[in-house]
Amino acid sequence: MLSPSSDRPATLFFQANGFRVLSPGNHVICAATGERVMLEALRYWSAERQEAYVSAEVATRRLLGQA
Protein backbone atom coordinates (compact mmCIF):
# COMPACT_ATOMS: atom_id res chain seq x y z
CA MET A 1 0.00 0.00 0.00
CA LEU A 2 1.24 3.48 -0.86
CA SER A 3 1.77 6.04 1.86
CA PRO A 4 -0.02 9.40 1.56
CA SER A 5 3.21 11.16 0.53
CA SER A 6 4.16 8.53 -2.05
CA ASP A 7 2.69 10.30 -5.07
CA ARG A 8 3.23 13.93 -4.33
CA PRO A 9 6.12 16.28 -4.99
CA ALA A 10 8.72 16.71 -2.29
CA THR A 11 10.04 20.09 -1.23
CA LEU A 12 13.83 20.04 -1.13
CA PHE A 13 16.61 22.38 -0.07
CA PHE A 14 19.44 21.94 -2.56
CA GLN A 15 23.05 22.18 -1.43
CA ALA A 16 26.29 21.82 -3.40
CA ASN A 17 26.77 18.18 -2.47
CA GLY A 18 23.24 16.98 -1.76
CA PHE A 19 19.77 18.01 -0.74
CA ARG A 20 17.62 18.04 2.37
CA VAL A 21 13.97 16.99 2.32
CA LEU A 22 11.81 19.78 3.76
CA SER A 23 8.47 18.23 2.86
CA PRO A 24 8.11 14.51 2.06
CA GLY A 25 7.19 13.23 -1.37
CA ASN A 26 8.53 10.85 -3.98
CA HIS A 27 9.47 13.24 -6.79
CA VAL A 28 10.30 16.80 -7.78
CA ILE A 29 9.46 18.69 -10.95
CA CYS A 30 12.20 19.61 -13.42
CA ALA A 31 12.45 23.41 -13.55
CA ALA A 32 13.16 23.41 -17.29
CA THR A 33 10.87 20.72 -18.70
CA GLY A 34 8.14 20.20 -16.11
CA GLU A 35 8.87 16.45 -16.04
CA ARG A 36 8.69 14.42 -12.85
CA VAL A 37 12.04 13.34 -11.42
CA MET A 38 11.82 10.55 -8.86
CA LEU A 39 13.96 11.33 -5.81
CA GLU A 40 15.99 8.15 -6.19
CA ALA A 41 16.88 9.25 -9.75
CA LEU A 42 17.60 12.91 -8.93
CA ARG A 43 21.21 13.70 -9.87
CA TYR A 44 21.13 17.25 -11.26
CA TRP A 45 20.17 20.50 -9.53
CA SER A 46 21.29 24.05 -8.91
CA ALA A 47 21.89 25.02 -5.29
CA GLU A 48 22.11 28.66 -6.36
CA ARG A 49 18.75 28.63 -8.17
CA GLN A 50 17.17 25.95 -5.94
CA GLU A 51 15.99 24.05 -9.02
CA ALA A 52 15.97 20.37 -10.00
CA TYR A 53 16.67 19.06 -13.51
CA VAL A 54 15.80 15.81 -15.26
CA SER A 55 19.21 15.32 -16.94
CA ALA A 56 22.70 16.77 -17.33
CA GLU A 57 21.79 18.07 -20.80
CA VAL A 58 18.73 19.91 -19.50
CA ALA A 59 20.70 21.31 -16.54
CA THR A 60 23.43 22.62 -18.86
CA ARG A 61 20.92 24.25 -21.22
CA ARG A 62 19.11 25.85 -18.27
CA LEU A 63 22.30 27.19 -16.71
CA LEU A 64 23.41 28.59 -20.10
CA GLY A 65 20.05 30.34 -20.45
CA GLN A 66 18.85 28.17 -23.32
CA ALA A 67 15.93 26.50 -21.54
PDB file of N, CA and C in Angstrom:
ATOM      1  N   MET A   1       0.838  -1.193   0.000  1.00  0.00           N
ATOM      2  CA  MET A   1       0.000   0.000   0.000  1.00  0.00           C
ATOM      3  C   MET A   1       0.876   1.247   0.000  1.00  0.00           C
ATOM      4  N   LEU A   2       0.481   2.246  -0.763  1.00  0.00           N
ATOM      5  CA  LEU A   2       1.237   3.480  -0.864  1.00  0.00           C
ATOM      6  C   LEU A   2       0.949   4.384   0.322  1.00  0.00           C
ATOM      7  N   SER A   3       1.975   5.072   0.790  1.00  0.00           N
ATOM      8  CA  SER A   3       1.770   6.039   1.864  1.00  0.00           C
ATOM      9  C   SER A   3       1.206   7.325   1.273  1.00  0.00           C
ATOM     10  N   PRO A   4       0.585   8.178   2.089  1.00  0.00           N
ATOM     11  CA  PRO A   4      -0.022   9.402   1.565  1.00  0.00           C
ATOM     12  C   PRO A   4       0.951  10.306   0.818  1.00  0.00           C
ATOM     13  N   SER A   5       2.247  10.285   1.192  1.00  0.00           N
ATOM     14  CA  SER A   5       3.208  11.161   0.529  1.00  0.00           C
ATOM     15  C   SER A   5       3.863  10.499  -0.677  1.00  0.00           C
ATOM     16  N   SER A   6       3.454   9.278  -1.016  1.00  0.00           N
ATOM     17  CA  SER A   6       4.157   8.535  -2.049  1.00  0.00           C
ATOM     18  C   SER A   6       3.952   9.066  -3.462  1.00  0.00           C
ATOM     19  N   ASP A   7       2.891   9.781  -3.722  1.00  0.00           N
ATOM     20  CA  ASP A   7       2.687  10.299  -5.072  1.00  0.00           C
ATOM     21  C   ASP A   7       2.480  11.802  -5.071  1.00  0.00           C
ATOM     22  N   ARG A   8       3.301  12.472  -4.318  1.00  0.00           N
ATOM     23  CA  ARG A   8       3.225  13.927  -4.326  1.00  0.00           C
ATOM     24  C   ARG A   8       4.634  14.489  -4.380  1.00  0.00           C
ATOM     25  N   PRO A   9       4.780  15.709  -4.881  1.00  0.00           N
ATOM     26  CA  PRO A   9       6.119  16.280  -4.992  1.00  0.00           C
ATOM     27  C   PRO A   9       6.708  16.599  -3.619  1.00  0.00           C
ATOM     28  N   ALA A  10       7.990  16.362  -3.496  1.00  0.00           N
ATOM     29  CA  ALA A  10       8.725  16.708  -2.288  1.00  0.00           C
ATOM     30  C   ALA A  10       9.189  18.154  -2.404  1.00  0.00           C
ATOM     31  N   THR A  11       9.402  18.786  -1.274  1.00  0.00           N
ATOM     32  CA  THR A  11      10.043  20.093  -1.229  1.00  0.00           C
ATOM     33  C   THR A  11      11.451  19.855  -0.708  1.00  0.00           C
ATOM     34  N   LEU A  12      12.437  20.291  -1.478  1.00  0.00           N
ATOM     35  CA  LEU A  12      13.829  20.040  -1.132  1.00  0.00           C
ATOM     36  C   LEU A  12      14.597  21.342  -0.961  1.00  0.00           C
ATOM     37  N   PHE A  13      15.651  21.282  -0.154  1.00  0.00           N
ATOM     38  CA  PHE A  13      16.614  22.375  -0.066  1.00  0.00           C
ATOM     39  C   PHE A  13      17.889  21.840  -0.685  1.00  0.00           C
ATOM     40  N   PHE A  14      18.284  22.422  -1.817  1.00  0.00           N
ATOM     41  CA  PHE A  14      19.440  21.941  -2.561  1.00  0.00           C
ATOM     42  C   PHE A  14      20.718  22.569  -2.036  1.00  0.00           C
ATOM     43  N   GLN A  15      21.726  21.733  -1.846  1.00  0.00           N
ATOM     44  CA  GLN A  15      23.050  22.175  -1.433  1.00  0.00           C
ATOM     45  C   GLN A  15      24.048  21.712  -2.489  1.00  0.00           C
ATOM     46  N   ALA A  16      25.282  22.151  -2.393  1.00  0.00           N
ATOM     47  CA  ALA A  16      26.285  21.819  -3.403  1.00  0.00           C
ATOM     48  C   ALA A  16      26.519  20.318  -3.513  1.00  0.00           C
ATOM     49  N   ASN A  17      26.445  19.603  -2.420  1.00  0.00           N
ATOM     50  CA  ASN A  17      26.765  18.177  -2.465  1.00  0.00           C
ATOM     51  C   ASN A  17      25.600  17.272  -2.084  1.00  0.00           C
ATOM     52  N   GLY A  18      24.405  17.787  -2.093  1.00  0.00           N
ATOM     53  CA  GLY A  18      23.239  16.975  -1.755  1.00  0.00           C
ATOM     54  C   GLY A  18      22.011  17.844  -1.566  1.00  0.00           C
ATOM     55  N   PHE A  19      20.990  17.251  -1.009  1.00  0.00           N
ATOM     56  CA  PHE A  19      19.770  18.009  -0.740  1.00  0.00           C
ATOM     57  C   PHE A  19      19.141  17.501   0.547  1.00  0.00           C
ATOM     58  N   ARG A  20      18.333  18.363   1.140  1.00  0.00           N
ATOM     59  CA  ARG A  20      17.618  18.038   2.370  1.00  0.00           C
ATOM     60  C   ARG A  20      16.131  18.056   2.060  1.00  0.00           C
ATOM     61  N   VAL A  21      15.409  17.071   2.537  1.00  0.00           N
ATOM     62  CA  VAL A  21      13.969  16.992   2.318  1.00  0.00           C
ATOM     63  C   VAL A  21      13.274  17.867   3.356  1.00  0.00           C
ATOM     64  N   LEU A  22      12.557  18.884   2.886  1.00  0.00           N
ATOM     65  CA  LEU A  22      11.812  19.775   3.765  1.00  0.00           C
ATOM     66  C   LEU A  22      10.375  19.320   3.929  1.00  0.00           C
ATOM     67  N   SER A  23       9.828  18.744   2.857  1.00  0.00           N
ATOM     68  CA  SER A  23       8.466  18.228   2.860  1.00  0.00           C
ATOM     69  C   SER A  23       8.478  16.911   2.098  1.00  0.00           C
ATOM     70  N   PRO A  24       7.992  15.825   2.692  1.00  0.00           N
ATOM     71  CA  PRO A  24       8.109  14.510   2.055  1.00  0.00           C
ATOM     72  C   PRO A  24       7.302  14.370   0.768  1.00  0.00           C
ATOM     73  N   GLY A  25       7.811  13.561  -0.098  1.00  0.00           N
ATOM     74  CA  GLY A  25       7.188  13.234  -1.370  1.00  0.00           C
ATOM     75  C   GLY A  25       8.094  12.249  -2.079  1.00  0.00           C
ATOM     76  N   ASN A  26       7.703  11.828  -3.273  1.00  0.00           N
ATOM     77  CA  ASN A  26       8.535  10.852  -3.983  1.00  0.00           C
ATOM     78  C   ASN A  26       9.181  11.401  -5.241  1.00  0.00           C
ATOM     79  N   HIS A  27       8.895  12.662  -5.581  1.00  0.00           N
ATOM     80  CA  HIS A  27       9.472  13.242  -6.787  1.00  0.00           C
ATOM     81  C   HIS A  27       9.561  14.757  -6.660  1.00  0.00           C
ATOM     82  N   VAL A  28      10.277  15.357  -7.598  1.00  0.00           N
ATOM     83  CA  VAL A  28      10.305  16.803  -7.782  1.00  0.00           C
ATOM     84  C   VAL A  28       9.989  17.069  -9.247  1.00  0.00           C
ATOM     85  N   ILE A  29       9.772  18.309  -9.579  1.00  0.00           N
ATOM     86  CA  ILE A  29       9.462  18.690 -10.951  1.00  0.00           C
ATOM     87  C   ILE A  29      10.672  19.408 -11.550  1.00  0.00           C
ATOM     88  N   CYS A  30      11.088  18.973 -12.728  1.00  0.00           N
ATOM     89  CA  CYS A  30      12.201  19.607 -13.421  1.00  0.00           C
ATOM     90  C   CYS A  30      11.834  21.058 -13.731  1.00  0.00           C
ATOM     91  N   ALA A  31      12.710  21.977 -13.359  1.00  0.00           N
ATOM     92  CA  ALA A  31      12.451  23.406 -13.554  1.00  0.00           C
ATOM     93  C   ALA A  31      12.418  23.808 -15.027  1.00  0.00           C
ATOM     94  N   ALA A  32      13.086  23.048 -15.878  1.00  0.00           N
ATOM     95  CA  ALA A  32      13.160  23.409 -17.294  1.00  0.00           C
ATOM     96  C   ALA A  32      12.117  22.720 -18.154  1.00  0.00           C
ATOM     97  N   THR A  33      11.769  21.477 -17.824  1.00  0.00           N
ATOM     98  CA  THR A  33      10.872  20.715 -18.699  1.00  0.00           C
ATOM     99  C   THR A  33       9.506  20.424 -18.094  1.00  0.00           C
ATOM    100  N   GLY A  34       9.398  20.534 -16.776  1.00  0.00           N
ATOM    101  CA  GLY A  34       8.140  20.202 -16.112  1.00  0.00           C
ATOM    102  C   GLY A  34       7.949  18.710 -15.875  1.00  0.00           C
ATOM    103  N   GLU A  35       8.952  17.905 -16.229  1.00  0.00           N
ATOM    104  CA  GLU A  35       8.865  16.453 -16.036  1.00  0.00           C
ATOM    105  C   GLU A  35       9.074  16.088 -14.571  1.00  0.00           C
ATOM    106  N   ARG A  36       8.457  14.976 -14.179  1.00  0.00           N
ATOM    107  CA  ARG A  36       8.692  14.418 -12.847  1.00  0.00           C
ATOM    108  C   ARG A  36      10.075  13.799 -12.786  1.00  0.00           C
ATOM    109  N   VAL A  37      10.759  13.999 -11.669  1.00  0.00           N
ATOM    110  CA  VAL A  37      12.038  13.338 -11.418  1.00  0.00           C
ATOM    111  C   VAL A  37      11.892  12.633 -10.073  1.00  0.00           C
ATOM    112  N   MET A  38      11.927  11.316 -10.098  1.00  0.00           N
ATOM    113  CA  MET A  38      11.822  10.554  -8.864  1.00  0.00           C
ATOM    114  C   MET A  38      13.044  10.853  -7.996  1.00  0.00           C
ATOM    115  N   LEU A  39      12.854  10.960  -6.689  1.00  0.00           N
ATOM    116  CA  LEU A  39      13.961  11.332  -5.811  1.00  0.00           C
ATOM    117  C   LEU A  39      15.142  10.389  -5.931  1.00  0.00           C
ATOM    118  N   GLU A  40      14.876   9.092  -6.081  1.00  0.00           N
ATOM    119  CA  GLU A  40      15.988   8.149  -6.185  1.00  0.00           C
ATOM    120  C   GLU A  40      16.774   8.314  -7.488  1.00  0.00           C
ATOM    121  N   ALA A  41      16.206   9.011  -8.472  1.00  0.00           N
ATOM    122  CA  ALA A  41      16.881   9.247  -9.747  1.00  0.00           C
ATOM    123  C   ALA A  41      17.431  10.670  -9.861  1.00  0.00           C
ATOM    124  N   LEU A  42      17.189  11.514  -8.871  1.00  0.00           N
ATOM    125  CA  LEU A  42      17.603  12.914  -8.929  1.00  0.00           C
ATOM    126  C   LEU A  42      19.118  13.034  -8.804  1.00  0.00           C
ATOM    127  N   ARG A  43      19.757  13.546  -9.849  1.00  0.00           N
ATOM    128  CA  ARG A  43      21.212  13.702  -9.866  1.00  0.00           C
ATOM    129  C   ARG A  43      21.651  15.123 -10.214  1.00  0.00           C
ATOM    130  N   TYR A  44      20.747  15.936 -10.748  1.00  0.00           N
ATOM    131  CA  TYR A  44      21.127  17.248 -11.265  1.00  0.00           C
ATOM    132  C   TYR A  44      20.245  18.335 -10.659  1.00  0.00           C
ATOM    133  N   TRP A  45      20.891  19.364 -10.096  1.00  0.00           N
ATOM    134  CA  TRP A  45      20.173  20.495  -9.525  1.00  0.00           C
ATOM    135  C   TRP A  45      21.106  21.682  -9.424  1.00  0.00           C
ATOM    136  N   SER A  46      20.525  22.835  -9.155  1.00  0.00           N
ATOM    137  CA  SER A  46      21.295  24.051  -8.910  1.00  0.00           C
ATOM    138  C   SER A  46      21.000  24.503  -7.488  1.00  0.00           C
ATOM    139  N   ALA A  47      22.039  24.517  -6.651  1.00  0.00           N
ATOM    140  CA  ALA A  47      21.889  25.017  -5.288  1.00  0.00           C
ATOM    141  C   ALA A  47      21.644  26.526  -5.304  1.00  0.00           C
ATOM    142  N   GLU A  48      22.269  27.211  -6.253  1.00  0.00           N
ATOM    143  CA  GLU A  48      22.108  28.664  -6.364  1.00  0.00           C
ATOM    144  C   GLU A  48      20.679  29.043  -6.730  1.00  0.00           C
ATOM    145  N   ARG A  49      20.115  28.334  -7.703  1.00  0.00           N
ATOM    146  CA  ARG A  49      18.753  28.633  -8.168  1.00  0.00           C
ATOM    147  C   ARG A  49      17.683  27.849  -7.423  1.00  0.00           C
ATOM    148  N   GLN A  50      18.093  26.835  -6.642  1.00  0.00           N
ATOM    149  CA  GLN A  50      17.165  25.950  -5.936  1.00  0.00           C
ATOM    150  C   GLN A  50      16.191  25.305  -6.916  1.00  0.00           C
ATOM    151  N   GLU A  51      16.764  24.712  -7.983  1.00  0.00           N
ATOM    152  CA  GLU A  51      15.988  24.046  -9.021  1.00  0.00           C
ATOM    153  C   GLU A  51      16.518  22.639  -9.265  1.00  0.00           C
ATOM    154  N   ALA A  52      15.621  21.735  -9.624  1.00  0.00           N
ATOM    155  CA  ALA A  52      15.966  20.366 -10.004  1.00  0.00           C
ATOM    156  C   ALA A  52      15.862  20.225 -11.517  1.00  0.00           C
ATOM    157  N   TYR A  53      16.665  19.296 -12.070  1.00  0.00           N
ATOM    158  CA  TYR A  53      16.669  19.060 -13.511  1.00  0.00           C
ATOM    159  C   TYR A  53      16.611  17.566 -13.794  1.00  0.00           C
ATOM    160  N   VAL A  54      16.002  17.214 -14.895  1.00  0.00           N
ATOM    161  CA  VAL A  54      15.803  15.814 -15.257  1.00  0.00           C
ATOM    162  C   VAL A  54      17.075  15.147 -15.793  1.00  0.00           C
ATOM    163  N   SER A  55      17.996  15.913 -16.373  1.00  0.00           N
ATOM    164  CA  SER A  55      19.211  15.324 -16.945  1.00  0.00           C
ATOM    165  C   SER A  55      20.335  16.360 -16.959  1.00  0.00           C
ATOM    166  N   ALA A  56      21.548  15.883 -17.229  1.00  0.00           N
ATOM    167  CA  ALA A  56      22.701  16.772 -17.333  1.00  0.00           C
ATOM    168  C   ALA A  56      22.531  17.734 -18.511  1.00  0.00           C
ATOM    169  N   GLU A  57      22.004  17.230 -19.614  1.00  0.00           N
ATOM    170  CA  GLU A  57      21.790  18.074 -20.798  1.00  0.00           C
ATOM    171  C   GLU A  57      20.819  19.215 -20.492  1.00  0.00           C
ATOM    172  N   VAL A  58      19.722  18.896 -19.850  1.00  0.00           N
ATOM    173  CA  VAL A  58      18.729  19.911 -19.496  1.00  0.00           C
ATOM    174  C   VAL A  58      19.320  20.910 -18.498  1.00  0.00           C
ATOM    175  N   ALA A  59      20.070  20.429 -17.518  1.00  0.00           N
ATOM    176  CA  ALA A  59      20.700  21.308 -16.535  1.00  0.00           C
ATOM    177  C   ALA A  59      21.663  22.282 -17.216  1.00  0.00           C
ATOM    178  N   THR A  60      22.463  21.770 -18.147  1.00  0.00           N
ATOM    179  CA  THR A  60      23.431  22.618 -18.862  1.00  0.00           C
ATOM    180  C   THR A  60      22.714  23.678 -19.677  1.00  0.00           C
ATOM    181  N   ARG A  61      21.678  23.274 -20.421  1.00  0.00           N
ATOM    182  CA  ARG A  61      20.916  24.255 -21.215  1.00  0.00           C
ATOM    183  C   ARG A  61      20.310  25.318 -20.315  1.00  0.00           C
ATOM    184  N   ARG A  62      19.745  24.910 -19.193  1.00  0.00           N
ATOM    185  CA  ARG A  62      19.113  25.854 -18.271  1.00  0.00           C
ATOM    186  C   ARG A  62      20.147  26.856 -17.723  1.00  0.00           C
ATOM    187  N   LEU A  63      21.271  26.334 -17.305  1.00  0.00           N
ATOM    188  CA  LEU A  63      22.299  27.188 -16.711  1.00  0.00           C
ATOM    189  C   LEU A  63      22.954  28.124 -17.740  1.00  0.00           C
ATOM    190  N   LEU A  64      22.911  27.733 -19.028  1.00  0.00           N
ATOM    191  CA  LEU A  64      23.410  28.590 -20.095  1.00  0.00           C
ATOM    192  C   LEU A  64      22.332  29.548 -20.618  1.00  0.00           C
ATOM    193  N   GLY A  65      21.139  29.459 -20.046  1.00  0.00           N
ATOM    194  CA  GLY A  65      20.052  30.341 -20.446  1.00  0.00           C
ATOM    195  C   GLY A  65      19.340  29.921 -21.712  1.00  0.00           C
ATOM    196  N   GLN A  66      19.463  28.658 -22.091  1.00  0.00           N
ATOM    197  CA  GLN A  66      18.848  28.170 -23.324  1.00  0.00           C
ATOM    198  C   GLN A  66      17.576  27.381 -23.093  1.00  0.00           C
ATOM    199  N   ALA A  67      17.153  27.261 -21.841  1.00  0.00           N
ATOM    200  CA  ALA A  67      15.934  26.500 -21.542  1.00  0.00           C
ATOM    201  C   ALA A  67      15.076  27.268 -20.569  1.00  0.00           C
TER     202      ALA A  67
END
